[in-house]
Amino acid sequence: MAYEEGETYPLTFAAVREKAPDASGVYTISTSTRWVWVGESDDIRQSLFRHLNEPNGCMDRFNPLSFSFRLAPAAERLARQRARIAELKPACKPTKAEWGTRGS
């Protein structure tokens, strides 16, 4: 499942290190059949590493996971994330406390 027809990579430490940018944007995490998470961050790579290092109980139910991303300026990230969540209806969603926080 590619995000806006972008590339999709396995959610592994190696792929995140090699493929995810340390830049602002919106990212998705998915299985081959289900959207699992839509996040936004000022540093996509660090946010994906956070998902790997601090697993979310909801996302633990899904495997194997992949990620994709689109770069976006900081001023547009939250609106793009909300639009993607409304469109893709991921299985796991940020809590109210996570909306608009770095790496949600």
N, C-alpha and C. Protein backbone atom coordinates (compact mmCIF):
# COMPACT_ATOMS: atom_id res chain seq x y z
N MET A 1 0.85 -1.17 0.00
CA MET A 1 0.00 0.00 0.00
C MET A 1 0.89 1.23 0.00
N ALA A 2 1.02 1.87 -1.11
CA ALA A 2 1.87 3.05 -1.20
C ALA A 2 1.08 4.30 -0.89
N TYR A 3 1.71 5.23 -0.25
CA TYR A 3 1.11 6.51 0.11
C TYR A 3 1.21 7.44 -1.08
N GLU A 4 0.06 7.80 -1.65
CA GLU A 4 0.02 8.64 -2.84
C GLU A 4 0.97 8.13 -3.92
N GLU A 5 1.01 6.81 -4.07
CA GLU A 5 1.83 6.17 -5.08
C GLU A 5 3.32 6.40 -4.88
N GLY A 6 3.74 6.70 -3.65
CA GLY A 6 5.16 6.81 -3.34
C GLY A 6 5.73 5.43 -3.08
N GLU A 7 7.01 5.39 -2.84
CA GLU A 7 7.66 4.12 -2.52
C GLU A 7 7.25 3.62 -1.14
N THR A 8 7.23 2.32 -0.98
CA THR A 8 6.94 1.69 0.30
C THR A 8 8.14 0.84 0.70
N TYR A 9 8.49 0.90 1.98
CA TYR A 9 9.67 0.20 2.49
C TYR A 9 9.29 -0.60 3.73
N PRO A 10 10.00 -1.69 4.01
CA PRO A 10 9.71 -2.45 5.23
C PRO A 10 10.05 -1.60 6.46
N LEU A 11 9.24 -1.70 7.48
CA LEU A 11 9.50 -0.94 8.71
C LEU A 11 10.53 -1.70 9.54
N THR A 12 11.78 -1.51 9.17
CA THR A 12 12.91 -2.12 9.87
C THR A 12 13.93 -1.02 10.16
N PHE A 13 14.82 -1.27 11.10
CA PHE A 13 15.85 -0.28 11.43
C PHE A 13 16.69 0.07 10.20
N ALA A 14 17.06 -0.95 9.43
CA ALA A 14 17.91 -0.71 8.25
C ALA A 14 17.19 0.14 7.21
N ALA A 15 15.94 -0.19 6.91
CA ALA A 15 15.20 0.56 5.89
C ALA A 15 14.94 1.99 6.35
N VAL A 16 14.60 2.18 7.60
CA VAL A 16 14.36 3.53 8.11
C VAL A 16 15.65 4.34 8.01
N ARG A 17 16.77 3.77 8.41
CA ARG A 17 18.06 4.46 8.35
C ARG A 17 18.41 4.84 6.91
N GLU A 18 18.15 3.95 5.97
CA GLU A 18 18.55 4.17 4.58
C GLU A 18 17.54 4.99 3.76
N LYS A 19 16.26 4.88 4.06
CA LYS A 19 15.24 5.45 3.17
C LYS A 19 14.46 6.63 3.74
N ALA A 20 14.27 6.68 5.05
CA ALA A 20 13.46 7.75 5.64
C ALA A 20 14.28 9.03 5.79
N PRO A 21 13.72 10.16 5.40
CA PRO A 21 14.45 11.42 5.51
C PRO A 21 14.39 12.01 6.92
N ASP A 22 15.41 12.77 7.26
CA ASP A 22 15.35 13.52 8.52
C ASP A 22 14.78 14.90 8.19
N ALA A 23 13.54 14.87 7.70
CA ALA A 23 12.88 16.07 7.20
C ALA A 23 11.41 16.05 7.62
N SER A 24 10.76 17.20 7.46
CA SER A 24 9.37 17.39 7.82
C SER A 24 8.43 16.71 6.83
N GLY A 25 7.38 16.07 7.36
CA GLY A 25 6.42 15.45 6.47
C GLY A 25 5.38 14.61 7.17
N VAL A 26 4.63 13.88 6.37
CA VAL A 26 3.58 12.97 6.84
C VAL A 26 3.97 11.57 6.39
N TYR A 27 3.77 10.60 7.26
CA TYR A 27 4.15 9.22 6.91
C TYR A 27 3.02 8.27 7.25
N THR A 28 3.01 7.15 6.57
CA THR A 28 2.03 6.09 6.85
C THR A 28 2.76 4.81 7.20
N ILE A 29 2.09 4.01 8.01
CA ILE A 29 2.55 2.66 8.34
C ILE A 29 1.40 1.73 7.97
N SER A 30 1.72 0.65 7.28
CA SER A 30 0.65 -0.23 6.78
C SER A 30 1.13 -1.67 6.69
N THR A 31 0.15 -2.56 6.51
CA THR A 31 0.45 -3.93 6.11
C THR A 31 0.11 -3.98 4.62
N SER A 32 0.18 -5.12 4.02
CA SER A 32 -0.16 -5.22 2.60
C SER A 32 -1.65 -5.03 2.35
N THR A 33 -2.47 -5.11 3.41
CA THR A 33 -3.92 -5.02 3.22
C THR A 33 -4.61 -3.98 4.11
N ARG A 34 -3.87 -3.31 5.00
CA ARG A 34 -4.51 -2.43 5.98
C ARG A 34 -3.64 -1.23 6.30
N TRP A 35 -4.23 -0.04 6.30
CA TRP A 35 -3.54 1.14 6.81
C TRP A 35 -3.55 1.05 8.31
N VAL A 36 -2.41 1.24 8.94
CA VAL A 36 -2.31 1.07 10.39
C VAL A 36 -2.12 2.41 11.10
N TRP A 37 -1.32 3.33 10.55
CA TRP A 37 -1.00 4.58 11.24
C TRP A 37 -0.71 5.67 10.23
N VAL A 38 -1.12 6.88 10.54
CA VAL A 38 -0.73 8.07 9.78
C VAL A 38 -0.13 9.04 10.78
N GLY A 39 1.13 9.39 10.58
CA GLY A 39 1.80 10.30 11.49
C GLY A 39 2.34 11.52 10.78
N GLU A 40 2.70 12.52 11.57
CA GLU A 40 3.35 13.71 11.05
C GLU A 40 4.53 14.03 11.96
N SER A 41 5.57 14.62 11.38
CA SER A 41 6.76 14.86 12.17
C SER A 41 7.65 15.90 11.52
N ASP A 42 8.46 16.55 12.34
CA ASP A 42 9.49 17.44 11.79
C ASP A 42 10.72 16.63 11.40
N ASP A 43 10.76 15.36 11.79
CA ASP A 43 11.87 14.46 11.45
C ASP A 43 11.30 13.06 11.27
N ILE A 44 10.93 12.73 10.04
CA ILE A 44 10.28 11.45 9.76
C ILE A 44 11.13 10.27 10.23
N ARG A 45 12.43 10.31 9.97
CA ARG A 45 13.30 9.20 10.36
C ARG A 45 13.24 8.94 11.87
N GLN A 46 13.37 10.00 12.67
CA GLN A 46 13.35 9.82 14.12
C GLN A 46 12.00 9.30 14.61
N SER A 47 10.91 9.76 13.99
CA SER A 47 9.59 9.28 14.40
C SER A 47 9.42 7.80 14.09
N LEU A 48 9.93 7.36 12.93
CA LEU A 48 9.85 5.93 12.60
C LEU A 48 10.73 5.11 13.54
N PHE A 49 11.91 5.62 13.88
CA PHE A 49 12.74 4.92 14.87
C PHE A 49 12.00 4.83 16.21
N ARG A 50 11.27 5.89 16.57
CA ARG A 50 10.51 5.87 17.82
C ARG A 50 9.45 4.76 17.78
N HIS A 51 8.79 4.60 16.63
CA HIS A 51 7.80 3.51 16.51
C HIS A 51 8.47 2.15 16.69
N LEU A 52 9.67 2.00 16.17
CA LEU A 52 10.39 0.73 16.32
C LEU A 52 10.87 0.51 17.75
N ASN A 53 11.33 1.55 18.41
CA ASN A 53 11.88 1.43 19.76
C ASN A 53 10.84 1.43 20.86
N GLU A 54 9.71 2.08 20.61
CA GLU A 54 8.64 2.19 21.60
C GLU A 54 7.33 1.74 20.95
N PRO A 55 7.16 0.45 20.79
CA PRO A 55 5.98 -0.07 20.07
C PRO A 55 4.66 0.41 20.68
N ASN A 56 3.74 0.70 19.81
CA ASN A 56 2.38 1.11 20.17
C ASN A 56 1.56 -0.16 20.29
N GLY A 57 0.84 -0.33 21.37
CA GLY A 57 0.06 -1.55 21.58
C GLY A 57 -0.88 -1.87 20.43
N CYS A 58 -1.47 -0.85 19.85
CA CYS A 58 -2.39 -1.07 18.72
C CYS A 58 -1.63 -1.62 17.52
N MET A 59 -0.48 -1.04 17.22
CA MET A 59 0.27 -1.46 16.03
C MET A 59 0.90 -2.84 16.20
N ASP A 60 1.07 -3.28 17.43
CA ASP A 60 1.65 -4.61 17.67
C ASP A 60 0.79 -5.73 17.08
N ARG A 61 -0.47 -5.45 16.82
CA ARG A 61 -1.38 -6.47 16.28
C ARG A 61 -1.16 -6.74 14.80
N PHE A 62 -0.37 -5.90 14.14
CA PHE A 62 -0.23 -5.97 12.69
C PHE A 62 1.21 -6.28 12.30
N ASN A 63 1.37 -7.23 11.36
CA ASN A 63 2.69 -7.58 10.85
C ASN A 63 2.55 -8.24 9.50
N PRO A 64 3.54 -8.16 8.66
CA PRO A 64 4.69 -7.26 8.73
C PRO A 64 4.27 -5.84 8.36
N LEU A 65 5.01 -4.86 8.87
CA LEU A 65 4.69 -3.47 8.64
C LEU A 65 5.62 -2.84 7.62
N SER A 66 5.08 -1.88 6.89
CA SER A 66 5.85 -1.10 5.92
C SER A 66 5.57 0.38 6.17
N PHE A 67 6.40 1.25 5.61
CA PHE A 67 6.16 2.68 5.74
C PHE A 67 6.34 3.37 4.40
N SER A 68 5.71 4.52 4.28
CA SER A 68 5.89 5.40 3.15
C SER A 68 5.73 6.82 3.68
N PHE A 69 6.09 7.81 2.88
CA PHE A 69 6.07 9.18 3.38
C PHE A 69 5.96 10.18 2.24
N ARG A 70 5.58 11.37 2.61
CA ARG A 70 5.59 12.54 1.72
C ARG A 70 6.14 13.70 2.52
N LEU A 71 7.08 14.42 1.95
CA LEU A 71 7.61 15.60 2.59
C LEU A 71 6.54 16.70 2.59
N ALA A 72 6.52 17.48 3.65
CA ALA A 72 5.56 18.57 3.77
C ALA A 72 6.13 19.63 4.71
N PRO A 73 5.91 20.89 4.40
CA PRO A 73 6.36 21.94 5.31
C PRO A 73 5.62 21.86 6.64
N ALA A 74 6.25 22.35 7.68
CA ALA A 74 5.68 22.28 9.03
C ALA A 74 4.27 22.86 9.09
N ALA A 75 4.03 23.94 8.41
CA ALA A 75 2.73 24.60 8.46
C ALA A 75 1.61 23.76 7.85
N GLU A 76 1.94 22.77 7.05
CA GLU A 76 0.92 21.94 6.37
C GLU A 76 0.78 20.54 6.95
N ARG A 77 1.71 20.13 7.79
CA ARG A 77 1.73 18.73 8.25
C ARG A 77 0.46 18.28 8.96
N LEU A 78 0.02 19.03 9.94
CA LEU A 78 -1.13 18.59 10.73
C LEU A 78 -2.39 18.47 9.86
N ALA A 79 -2.61 19.43 8.99
CA ALA A 79 -3.79 19.37 8.09
C ALA A 79 -3.67 18.17 7.16
N ARG A 80 -2.49 17.90 6.65
CA ARG A 80 -2.31 16.74 5.76
C ARG A 80 -2.51 15.43 6.53
N GLN A 81 -2.01 15.37 7.76
CA GLN A 81 -2.20 14.18 8.57
C GLN A 81 -3.68 13.93 8.80
N ARG A 82 -4.40 14.96 9.21
CA ARG A 82 -5.84 14.80 9.48
C ARG A 82 -6.60 14.37 8.22
N ALA A 83 -6.23 14.95 7.07
CA ALA A 83 -6.89 14.57 5.82
C ALA A 83 -6.61 13.11 5.48
N ARG A 84 -5.37 12.66 5.68
CA ARG A 84 -5.02 11.26 5.40
C ARG A 84 -5.74 10.31 6.34
N ILE A 85 -5.84 10.68 7.61
CA ILE A 85 -6.56 9.83 8.56
C ILE A 85 -8.02 9.70 8.13
N ALA A 86 -8.63 10.81 7.73
CA ALA A 86 -10.03 10.77 7.28
C ALA A 86 -10.17 9.91 6.02
N GLU A 87 -9.20 9.99 5.12
CA GLU A 87 -9.26 9.24 3.87
C GLU A 87 -8.96 7.76 4.06
N LEU A 88 -7.87 7.46 4.78
CA LEU A 88 -7.37 6.08 4.86
C LEU A 88 -7.99 5.27 6.00
N LYS A 89 -8.50 5.94 7.03
CA LYS A 89 -9.10 5.28 8.18
C LYS A 89 -8.18 4.21 8.77
N PRO A 90 -7.00 4.62 9.25
CA PRO A 90 -6.06 3.65 9.80
C PRO A 90 -6.60 2.96 11.05
N ALA A 91 -6.12 1.77 11.29
CA ALA A 91 -6.56 0.98 12.45
C ALA A 91 -6.18 1.64 13.76
N CYS A 92 -5.05 2.34 13.81
CA CYS A 92 -4.57 3.00 15.02
C CYS A 92 -4.54 4.50 14.75
N LYS A 93 -5.02 5.28 15.72
CA LYS A 93 -5.07 6.73 15.55
C LYS A 93 -4.40 7.42 16.73
N PRO A 94 -3.83 8.61 16.50
CA PRO A 94 -3.24 9.36 17.61
C PRO A 94 -4.31 9.72 18.64
N THR A 95 -3.91 9.75 19.89
CA THR A 95 -4.82 10.21 20.93
C THR A 95 -4.92 11.73 20.83
N LYS A 96 -5.90 12.32 21.50
CA LYS A 96 -6.03 13.78 21.49
C LYS A 96 -4.75 14.45 21.97
N ALA A 97 -4.08 13.85 22.94
CA ALA A 97 -2.83 14.43 23.46
C ALA A 97 -1.72 14.41 22.41
N GLU A 98 -1.78 13.47 21.46
CA GLU A 98 -0.73 13.36 20.44
C GLU A 98 -0.95 14.27 19.23
N TRP A 99 -2.16 14.79 19.03
CA TRP A 99 -2.43 15.63 17.87
C TRP A 99 -1.53 16.84 17.91
N GLY A 100 -0.79 17.03 16.83
CA GLY A 100 0.04 18.21 16.69
C GLY A 100 1.33 18.17 17.48
N THR A 101 1.64 17.03 18.11
CA THR A 101 2.91 16.93 18.82
C THR A 101 3.92 16.30 17.89
N ARG A 102 5.17 16.55 18.13
CA ARG A 102 6.22 16.03 17.29
C ARG A 102 6.16 14.51 17.23
N GLY A 103 6.12 13.99 16.02
CA GLY A 103 6.19 12.55 15.82
C GLY A 103 4.92 11.81 16.10
N SER A 104 3.78 12.45 15.98
CA SER A 104 2.53 11.73 16.23
C SER A 104 2.20 10.78 15.10
